[in-house]
Amino acid sequence: MKNKILISLAAVAATLSPMAAQAQTRELQRDRQDIREEKRELEQAKRYGDRGDIREERREYRDAKREYREDWRDYRQKNRDVFRGSRFNAPFRYRAFSDGVSIGSSYYAPRYRVSNYQNYRLPRPGRYQTYVRHYNDVLLVNVRTGRVVRAYRGFYW
């Protein structure tokens, strides 16, 4: 009797887990859409509004970005196995890169690129940009200029 109950519970859990992951993905997509809308409204307030409108729109834009980051952190915390990186071997030592720093092309060589950024719920890279793994960090790099657009420190567990 206990075995039947355990088997049925396992079947229910296996059925619900993809739905939960899909719901988290939808939530993150909605949050990104909210950020875009708030940014549009902020730009309109800068053009046509007064100081109070601009201040309010900035606050709403900041809140939307903060909510997205919190949801992404929750997703990352609940799905630790996805962010468990494999062993990383590189011919260079670790350096903590910041946004805006220019790096050498050896750091963003094709062998270090993260091609499955969707699995990590990272935003789509822009034109001439790519995600690169640097030890446990992920860097969004502009491949034309070699500048770090965004650094995600401690990305992999």
N, C-alpha and C. Protein backbone atom coordinates (compact mmCIF):
# COMPACT_ATOMS: atom_id res chain seq x y z
N MET A 1 0.82 -1.20 0.00
CA MET A 1 0.00 0.00 0.00
C MET A 1 0.87 1.27 0.00
N LYS A 2 1.92 1.26 0.83
CA LYS A 2 2.81 2.42 0.89
C LYS A 2 3.51 2.63 -0.44
N ASN A 3 3.88 1.51 -1.09
CA ASN A 3 4.56 1.63 -2.39
C ASN A 3 3.66 2.28 -3.43
N LYS A 4 2.38 1.93 -3.43
CA LYS A 4 1.45 2.52 -4.39
C LYS A 4 1.30 4.01 -4.16
N ILE A 5 1.25 4.40 -2.90
CA ILE A 5 1.13 5.82 -2.57
C ILE A 5 2.38 6.57 -3.02
N LEU A 6 3.56 6.00 -2.73
CA LEU A 6 4.81 6.65 -3.12
C LEU A 6 4.93 6.78 -4.64
N ILE A 7 4.51 5.74 -5.35
CA ILE A 7 4.58 5.77 -6.81
C ILE A 7 3.64 6.84 -7.36
N SER A 8 2.44 6.90 -6.81
CA SER A 8 1.49 7.90 -7.31
C SER A 8 1.96 9.32 -6.96
N LEU A 9 2.57 9.51 -5.79
CA LEU A 9 3.11 10.83 -5.44
C LEU A 9 4.26 11.21 -6.37
N ALA A 10 5.09 10.25 -6.71
CA ALA A 10 6.20 10.52 -7.62
C ALA A 10 5.68 10.88 -9.01
N ALA A 11 4.62 10.20 -9.45
CA ALA A 11 4.04 10.50 -10.76
C ALA A 11 3.45 11.91 -10.78
N VAL A 12 2.79 12.31 -9.70
CA VAL A 12 2.22 13.65 -9.63
C VAL A 12 3.34 14.69 -9.62
N ALA A 13 4.40 14.45 -8.87
CA ALA A 13 5.52 15.39 -8.81
C ALA A 13 6.20 15.53 -10.17
N ALA A 14 6.36 14.40 -10.87
CA ALA A 14 6.99 14.45 -12.19
C ALA A 14 6.12 15.22 -13.18
N THR A 15 4.83 15.16 -13.01
CA THR A 15 3.92 15.87 -13.90
C THR A 15 3.92 17.37 -13.59
N LEU A 16 3.98 17.74 -12.33
CA LEU A 16 3.86 19.14 -11.94
C LEU A 16 5.16 19.92 -12.07
N SER A 17 6.32 19.26 -11.99
CA SER A 17 7.58 19.99 -12.01
C SER A 17 7.82 20.74 -13.31
N PRO A 18 7.55 20.19 -14.51
CA PRO A 18 7.72 21.01 -15.72
C PRO A 18 6.75 22.19 -15.76
N MET A 19 5.55 22.01 -15.22
CA MET A 19 4.59 23.10 -15.20
C MET A 19 5.08 24.23 -14.30
N ALA A 20 5.70 23.88 -13.18
CA ALA A 20 6.22 24.90 -12.27
C ALA A 20 7.36 25.67 -12.93
N ALA A 21 8.25 24.95 -13.62
CA ALA A 21 9.35 25.62 -14.32
C ALA A 21 8.82 26.54 -15.41
N GLN A 22 7.79 26.10 -16.12
CA GLN A 22 7.21 26.91 -17.17
C GLN A 22 6.55 28.16 -16.59
N ALA A 23 5.91 28.01 -15.43
CA ALA A 23 5.28 29.16 -14.78
C ALA A 23 6.34 30.18 -14.35
N GLN A 24 7.49 29.69 -13.86
CA GLN A 24 8.56 30.60 -13.48
C GLN A 24 9.08 31.35 -14.70
N THR A 25 9.21 30.63 -15.82
CA THR A 25 9.68 31.27 -17.04
C THR A 25 8.71 32.35 -17.49
N ARG A 26 7.43 32.05 -17.45
CA ARG A 26 6.43 33.06 -17.83
C ARG A 26 6.50 34.28 -16.92
N GLU A 27 6.70 34.03 -15.64
CA GLU A 27 6.79 35.13 -14.69
C GLU A 27 7.99 36.03 -15.01
N LEU A 28 9.12 35.42 -15.33
CA LEU A 28 10.29 36.20 -15.69
C LEU A 28 10.06 36.97 -16.99
N GLN A 29 9.38 36.36 -17.95
CA GLN A 29 9.07 37.05 -19.20
C GLN A 29 8.15 38.24 -18.96
N ARG A 30 7.15 38.05 -18.09
CA ARG A 30 6.25 39.15 -17.76
C ARG A 30 7.02 40.28 -17.07
N ASP A 31 7.94 39.91 -16.19
CA ASP A 31 8.73 40.93 -15.51
C ASP A 31 9.57 41.72 -16.51
N ARG A 32 10.18 41.03 -17.49
CA ARG A 32 10.95 41.74 -18.51
C ARG A 32 10.07 42.68 -19.31
N GLN A 33 8.86 42.23 -19.62
CA GLN A 33 7.93 43.08 -20.35
C GLN A 33 7.55 44.31 -19.52
N ASP A 34 7.33 44.10 -18.22
CA ASP A 34 7.03 45.24 -17.32
C ASP A 34 8.18 46.25 -17.32
N ILE A 35 9.40 45.74 -17.31
CA ILE A 35 10.56 46.64 -17.32
C ILE A 35 10.57 47.47 -18.59
N ARG A 36 10.32 46.84 -19.74
CA ARG A 36 10.29 47.58 -21.01
C ARG A 36 9.20 48.65 -20.99
N GLU A 37 8.01 48.30 -20.47
CA GLU A 37 6.92 49.27 -20.42
C GLU A 37 7.26 50.44 -19.50
N GLU A 38 7.84 50.12 -18.34
CA GLU A 38 8.20 51.19 -17.41
C GLU A 38 9.27 52.10 -18.00
N LYS A 39 10.20 51.52 -18.76
CA LYS A 39 11.24 52.33 -19.39
C LYS A 39 10.62 53.26 -20.43
N ARG A 40 9.66 52.75 -21.22
CA ARG A 40 8.96 53.57 -22.20
C ARG A 40 8.23 54.73 -21.51
N GLU A 41 7.55 54.41 -20.42
CA GLU A 41 6.82 55.46 -19.69
C GLU A 41 7.76 56.49 -19.09
N LEU A 42 8.93 56.04 -18.64
CA LEU A 42 9.92 56.97 -18.11
C LEU A 42 10.41 57.91 -19.20
N GLU A 43 10.67 57.37 -20.39
CA GLU A 43 11.10 58.22 -21.51
C GLU A 43 10.02 59.25 -21.88
N GLN A 44 8.76 58.81 -21.86
CA GLN A 44 7.67 59.75 -22.16
C GLN A 44 7.57 60.83 -21.09
N ALA A 45 7.76 60.45 -19.82
CA ALA A 45 7.70 61.43 -18.74
C ALA A 45 8.84 62.43 -18.87
N LYS A 46 10.01 61.96 -19.32
CA LYS A 46 11.14 62.88 -19.51
C LYS A 46 10.84 63.89 -20.61
N ARG A 47 10.11 63.46 -21.65
CA ARG A 47 9.80 64.35 -22.76
C ARG A 47 8.67 65.32 -22.43
N TYR A 48 7.60 64.76 -21.83
CA TYR A 48 6.37 65.55 -21.70
C TYR A 48 5.95 65.86 -20.26
N GLY A 49 6.56 65.24 -19.28
CA GLY A 49 6.09 65.39 -17.91
C GLY A 49 6.85 66.43 -17.12
N ASP A 50 6.41 66.58 -15.88
CA ASP A 50 7.12 67.48 -14.97
C ASP A 50 8.01 66.65 -14.06
N ARG A 51 8.65 67.30 -13.09
CA ARG A 51 9.57 66.60 -12.20
C ARG A 51 8.90 65.48 -11.41
N GLY A 52 7.68 65.74 -10.96
CA GLY A 52 6.96 64.72 -10.19
C GLY A 52 6.69 63.47 -11.01
N ASP A 53 6.30 63.67 -12.27
CA ASP A 53 6.06 62.53 -13.15
C ASP A 53 7.34 61.73 -13.38
N ILE A 54 8.43 62.45 -13.61
CA ILE A 54 9.70 61.78 -13.86
C ILE A 54 10.13 60.99 -12.63
N ARG A 55 10.01 61.60 -11.46
CA ARG A 55 10.40 60.93 -10.22
C ARG A 55 9.58 59.66 -10.01
N GLU A 56 8.28 59.76 -10.24
CA GLU A 56 7.39 58.60 -10.05
C GLU A 56 7.72 57.49 -11.05
N GLU A 57 7.97 57.84 -12.30
CA GLU A 57 8.29 56.84 -13.32
C GLU A 57 9.64 56.18 -13.04
N ARG A 58 10.60 56.96 -12.56
CA ARG A 58 11.90 56.36 -12.18
C ARG A 58 11.72 55.34 -11.07
N ARG A 59 10.90 55.70 -10.09
CA ARG A 59 10.66 54.78 -8.98
C ARG A 59 10.01 53.49 -9.47
N GLU A 60 9.02 53.61 -10.35
CA GLU A 60 8.34 52.43 -10.88
C GLU A 60 9.28 51.58 -11.73
N TYR A 61 10.15 52.23 -12.51
CA TYR A 61 11.12 51.51 -13.33
C TYR A 61 12.10 50.75 -12.44
N ARG A 62 12.60 51.41 -11.38
CA ARG A 62 13.51 50.75 -10.43
C ARG A 62 12.83 49.57 -9.76
N ASP A 63 11.57 49.73 -9.36
CA ASP A 63 10.83 48.65 -8.70
C ASP A 63 10.65 47.47 -9.64
N ALA A 64 10.36 47.73 -10.91
CA ALA A 64 10.19 46.64 -11.88
C ALA A 64 11.49 45.87 -12.06
N LYS A 65 12.62 46.59 -12.14
CA LYS A 65 13.91 45.92 -12.28
C LYS A 65 14.24 45.11 -11.03
N ARG A 66 13.94 45.66 -9.86
CA ARG A 66 14.21 44.96 -8.60
C ARG A 66 13.39 43.67 -8.50
N GLU A 67 12.12 43.75 -8.92
CA GLU A 67 11.26 42.57 -8.88
C GLU A 67 11.78 41.48 -9.82
N TYR A 68 12.25 41.87 -11.00
CA TYR A 68 12.80 40.90 -11.94
C TYR A 68 14.02 40.21 -11.33
N ARG A 69 14.92 41.00 -10.73
CA ARG A 69 16.12 40.42 -10.12
C ARG A 69 15.76 39.45 -9.01
N GLU A 70 14.77 39.80 -8.19
CA GLU A 70 14.35 38.92 -7.10
C GLU A 70 13.77 37.62 -7.65
N ASP A 71 12.94 37.71 -8.69
CA ASP A 71 12.36 36.49 -9.28
C ASP A 71 13.45 35.62 -9.89
N TRP A 72 14.43 36.26 -10.53
CA TRP A 72 15.52 35.50 -11.13
C TRP A 72 16.35 34.82 -10.05
N ARG A 73 16.62 35.51 -8.95
CA ARG A 73 17.37 34.91 -7.84
C ARG A 73 16.61 33.72 -7.25
N ASP A 74 15.29 33.88 -7.11
CA ASP A 74 14.48 32.77 -6.61
C ASP A 74 14.57 31.57 -7.55
N TYR A 75 14.48 31.82 -8.85
CA TYR A 75 14.59 30.73 -9.82
C TYR A 75 15.96 30.06 -9.69
N ARG A 76 16.99 30.85 -9.58
CA ARG A 76 18.36 30.32 -9.47
C ARG A 76 18.53 29.49 -8.21
N GLN A 77 17.95 29.97 -7.12
CA GLN A 77 18.05 29.26 -5.84
C GLN A 77 17.31 27.92 -5.89
N LYS A 78 16.15 27.91 -6.54
CA LYS A 78 15.35 26.68 -6.60
C LYS A 78 15.90 25.67 -7.59
N ASN A 79 16.68 26.12 -8.56
CA ASN A 79 17.21 25.25 -9.61
C ASN A 79 18.73 25.26 -9.58
N ARG A 80 19.29 24.91 -8.46
CA ARG A 80 20.74 24.98 -8.27
C ARG A 80 21.50 24.06 -9.24
N ASP A 81 20.91 22.93 -9.60
CA ASP A 81 21.60 22.00 -10.48
C ASP A 81 21.86 22.60 -11.86
N VAL A 82 20.98 23.46 -12.31
CA VAL A 82 21.15 24.09 -13.62
C VAL A 82 22.40 24.97 -13.61
N PHE A 83 22.70 25.59 -12.48
CA PHE A 83 23.81 26.53 -12.37
C PHE A 83 25.07 25.90 -11.81
N ARG A 84 25.12 24.59 -11.80
CA ARG A 84 26.32 23.90 -11.35
C ARG A 84 27.23 23.76 -12.56
N GLY A 85 28.29 24.51 -12.58
CA GLY A 85 29.19 24.52 -13.73
C GLY A 85 30.14 23.35 -13.72
N SER A 86 30.54 22.95 -14.89
CA SER A 86 31.54 21.89 -15.01
C SER A 86 32.91 22.48 -14.69
N ARG A 87 33.89 21.64 -14.66
CA ARG A 87 35.24 22.10 -14.36
C ARG A 87 35.69 23.07 -15.44
N PHE A 88 36.35 24.13 -15.04
CA PHE A 88 36.76 25.17 -15.97
C PHE A 88 38.27 25.26 -16.00
N ASN A 89 38.85 25.01 -17.14
CA ASN A 89 40.30 25.13 -17.31
C ASN A 89 40.58 26.26 -18.30
N ALA A 90 41.44 27.16 -17.91
CA ALA A 90 41.79 28.27 -18.78
C ALA A 90 43.29 28.52 -18.68
N PRO A 91 43.90 29.02 -19.73
CA PRO A 91 45.34 29.30 -19.70
C PRO A 91 45.69 30.60 -18.97
N PHE A 92 44.69 31.25 -18.37
CA PHE A 92 44.93 32.51 -17.68
C PHE A 92 44.38 32.42 -16.26
N ARG A 93 44.83 33.31 -15.40
CA ARG A 93 44.39 33.33 -14.01
C ARG A 93 43.08 34.08 -13.89
N TYR A 94 42.43 33.87 -12.74
CA TYR A 94 41.15 34.54 -12.49
C TYR A 94 41.38 36.02 -12.21
N ARG A 95 40.53 36.85 -12.82
CA ARG A 95 40.46 38.28 -12.51
C ARG A 95 39.00 38.64 -12.40
N ALA A 96 38.65 39.46 -11.44
CA ALA A 96 37.27 39.92 -11.29
C ALA A 96 37.08 41.12 -12.20
N PHE A 97 36.32 40.92 -13.28
CA PHE A 97 36.08 41.99 -14.23
C PHE A 97 34.83 42.77 -13.83
N SER A 98 34.86 44.06 -14.10
CA SER A 98 33.72 44.95 -13.84
C SER A 98 33.10 45.37 -15.16
N ASP A 99 31.91 45.92 -15.08
CA ASP A 99 31.26 46.44 -16.28
C ASP A 99 32.10 47.57 -16.87
N GLY A 100 32.23 47.57 -18.20
CA GLY A 100 32.94 48.64 -18.88
C GLY A 100 34.43 48.40 -19.09
N VAL A 101 34.98 47.35 -18.50
CA VAL A 101 36.41 47.05 -18.63
C VAL A 101 36.67 46.43 -19.99
N SER A 102 37.78 46.78 -20.59
CA SER A 102 38.17 46.19 -21.86
C SER A 102 39.02 44.95 -21.59
N ILE A 103 38.69 43.83 -22.26
CA ILE A 103 39.43 42.59 -22.05
C ILE A 103 40.00 42.10 -23.37
N GLY A 104 41.00 41.22 -23.28
CA GLY A 104 41.63 40.67 -24.47
C GLY A 104 40.75 39.64 -25.15
N SER A 105 41.00 39.43 -26.44
CA SER A 105 40.16 38.51 -27.21
C SER A 105 40.31 37.06 -26.74
N SER A 106 41.39 36.72 -26.08
CA SER A 106 41.55 35.34 -25.59
C SER A 106 40.51 35.01 -24.52
N TYR A 107 40.00 36.02 -23.83
CA TYR A 107 38.98 35.78 -22.80
C TYR A 107 37.62 35.44 -23.38
N TYR A 108 37.34 35.91 -24.59
CA TYR A 108 36.04 35.60 -25.18
C TYR A 108 36.19 34.77 -26.46
N ALA A 109 37.19 33.91 -26.45
CA ALA A 109 37.39 32.97 -27.56
C ALA A 109 36.18 32.02 -27.62
N PRO A 110 35.92 31.43 -28.77
CA PRO A 110 34.75 30.56 -28.92
C PRO A 110 34.65 29.43 -27.90
N ARG A 111 35.77 28.93 -27.42
CA ARG A 111 35.70 27.81 -26.47
C ARG A 111 35.15 28.22 -25.10
N TYR A 112 35.12 29.52 -24.78
CA TYR A 112 34.62 29.99 -23.50
C TYR A 112 33.20 30.56 -23.58
N ARG A 113 32.62 30.58 -24.76
CA ARG A 113 31.30 31.18 -24.94
C ARG A 113 30.19 30.29 -24.37
N VAL A 114 29.19 30.93 -23.81
CA VAL A 114 28.02 30.24 -23.26
C VAL A 114 26.95 30.30 -24.34
N SER A 115 26.71 29.15 -24.97
CA SER A 115 25.76 29.14 -26.08
C SER A 115 24.33 28.90 -25.62
N ASN A 116 24.15 28.33 -24.45
CA ASN A 116 22.80 28.01 -23.97
C ASN A 116 22.35 28.99 -22.89
N TYR A 117 22.43 30.26 -23.19
CA TYR A 117 22.07 31.30 -22.21
C TYR A 117 20.60 31.23 -21.81
N GLN A 118 19.74 30.68 -22.68
CA GLN A 118 18.31 30.57 -22.37
C GLN A 118 18.09 29.64 -21.17
N ASN A 119 18.90 28.61 -21.05
CA ASN A 119 18.76 27.68 -19.92
C ASN A 119 19.00 28.37 -18.59
N TYR A 120 19.80 29.41 -18.61
CA TYR A 120 20.12 30.14 -17.38
C TYR A 120 19.23 31.35 -17.17
N ARG A 121 18.24 31.53 -18.05
CA ARG A 121 17.30 32.65 -17.99
C ARG A 121 18.02 33.99 -18.08
N LEU A 122 19.10 34.02 -18.85
CA LEU A 122 19.81 35.27 -19.09
C LEU A 122 19.13 36.02 -20.24
N PRO A 123 19.15 37.34 -20.21
CA PRO A 123 18.56 38.08 -21.31
C PRO A 123 19.30 37.81 -22.63
N ARG A 124 18.59 37.93 -23.71
CA ARG A 124 19.18 37.68 -25.02
C ARG A 124 20.28 38.71 -25.27
N PRO A 125 21.46 38.27 -25.68
CA PRO A 125 22.54 39.23 -25.94
C PRO A 125 22.23 40.08 -27.16
N GLY A 126 22.71 41.31 -27.14
CA GLY A 126 22.48 42.21 -28.25
C GLY A 126 23.37 41.88 -29.43
N ARG A 127 23.29 42.71 -30.42
CA ARG A 127 24.10 42.51 -31.61
C ARG A 127 25.57 42.67 -31.27
N TYR A 128 26.40 41.79 -31.77
CA TYR A 128 27.84 41.76 -31.52
C TYR A 128 28.17 41.52 -30.05
N GLN A 129 27.26 40.90 -29.31
CA GLN A 129 27.52 40.57 -27.92
C GLN A 129 27.41 39.06 -27.71
N THR A 130 28.14 38.56 -26.74
CA THR A 130 28.08 37.14 -26.42
C THR A 130 28.36 36.95 -24.93
N TYR A 131 27.83 35.87 -24.40
CA TYR A 131 28.12 35.51 -23.01
C TYR A 131 29.35 34.63 -22.99
N VAL A 132 30.22 34.90 -22.01
CA VAL A 132 31.47 34.17 -21.89
C VAL A 132 31.62 33.71 -20.45
N ARG A 133 32.10 32.49 -20.30
CA ARG A 133 32.37 31.99 -18.95
C ARG A 133 33.80 32.34 -18.57
N HIS A 134 33.94 32.87 -17.37
CA HIS A 134 35.27 33.16 -16.82
C HIS A 134 35.27 32.62 -15.40
N TYR A 135 35.78 31.40 -15.25
CA TYR A 135 35.73 30.64 -14.02
C TYR A 135 34.28 30.53 -13.55
N ASN A 136 33.90 31.06 -12.39
CA ASN A 136 32.51 30.96 -11.93
C ASN A 136 31.68 32.17 -12.30
N ASP A 137 32.24 33.07 -13.08
CA ASP A 137 31.54 34.26 -13.52
C ASP A 137 31.06 34.09 -14.95
N VAL A 138 30.06 34.88 -15.31
CA VAL A 138 29.62 34.97 -16.70
C VAL A 138 29.70 36.45 -17.07
N LEU A 139 30.31 36.70 -18.23
CA LEU A 139 30.49 38.06 -18.71
C LEU A 139 29.73 38.23 -20.01
N LEU A 140 29.02 39.33 -20.14
CA LEU A 140 28.42 39.70 -21.41
C LEU A 140 29.40 40.66 -22.07
N VAL A 141 29.96 40.23 -23.21
CA VAL A 141 31.05 40.96 -23.84
C VAL A 141 30.64 41.44 -25.23
N ASN A 142 31.00 42.67 -25.55
CA ASN A 142 30.86 43.18 -26.90
C ASN A 142 32.08 42.68 -27.67
N VAL A 143 31.88 41.78 -28.64
CA VAL A 143 33.00 41.15 -29.32
C VAL A 143 33.71 42.10 -30.30
N ARG A 144 33.10 43.19 -30.67
CA ARG A 144 33.77 44.15 -31.56
C ARG A 144 34.76 45.03 -30.80
N THR A 145 34.39 45.42 -29.58
CA THR A 145 35.26 46.32 -28.82
C THR A 145 36.03 45.63 -27.71
N GLY A 146 35.57 44.45 -27.28
CA GLY A 146 36.22 43.75 -26.19
C GLY A 146 35.81 44.28 -24.82
N ARG A 147 34.78 45.08 -24.75
CA ARG A 147 34.33 45.65 -23.46
C ARG A 147 33.31 44.73 -22.80
N VAL A 148 33.40 44.65 -21.48
CA VAL A 148 32.44 43.89 -20.69
C VAL A 148 31.20 44.76 -20.51
N VAL A 149 30.08 44.28 -21.03
CA VAL A 149 28.83 45.02 -20.92
C VAL A 149 28.21 44.78 -19.55
N ARG A 150 28.24 43.52 -19.11
CA ARG A 150 27.65 43.15 -17.81
C ARG A 150 28.41 41.98 -17.25
N ALA A 151 28.73 42.02 -15.97
CA ALA A 151 29.42 40.92 -15.30
C ALA A 151 28.50 40.31 -14.25
N TYR A 152 28.32 39.01 -14.36
CA TYR A 152 27.55 38.25 -13.37
C TYR A 152 28.53 37.46 -12.52
N ARG A 153 28.85 37.98 -11.36
CA ARG A 153 29.85 37.33 -10.50
C ARG A 153 29.23 36.17 -9.73
N GLY A 154 30.00 35.11 -9.54
CA GLY A 154 29.54 33.95 -8.78
C GLY A 154 28.32 33.30 -9.40
N PHE A 155 28.27 33.28 -10.72
CA PHE A 155 27.10 32.78 -11.44
C PHE A 155 26.93 31.29 -11.25
N TYR A 156 28.02 30.56 -11.39
CA TYR A 156 27.98 29.10 -11.22
C TYR A 156 28.28 28.76 -9.76
N TRP A 157 27.67 27.68 -9.28
CA TRP A 157 27.89 27.27 -7.88
C TRP A 157 29.20 26.54 -7.78
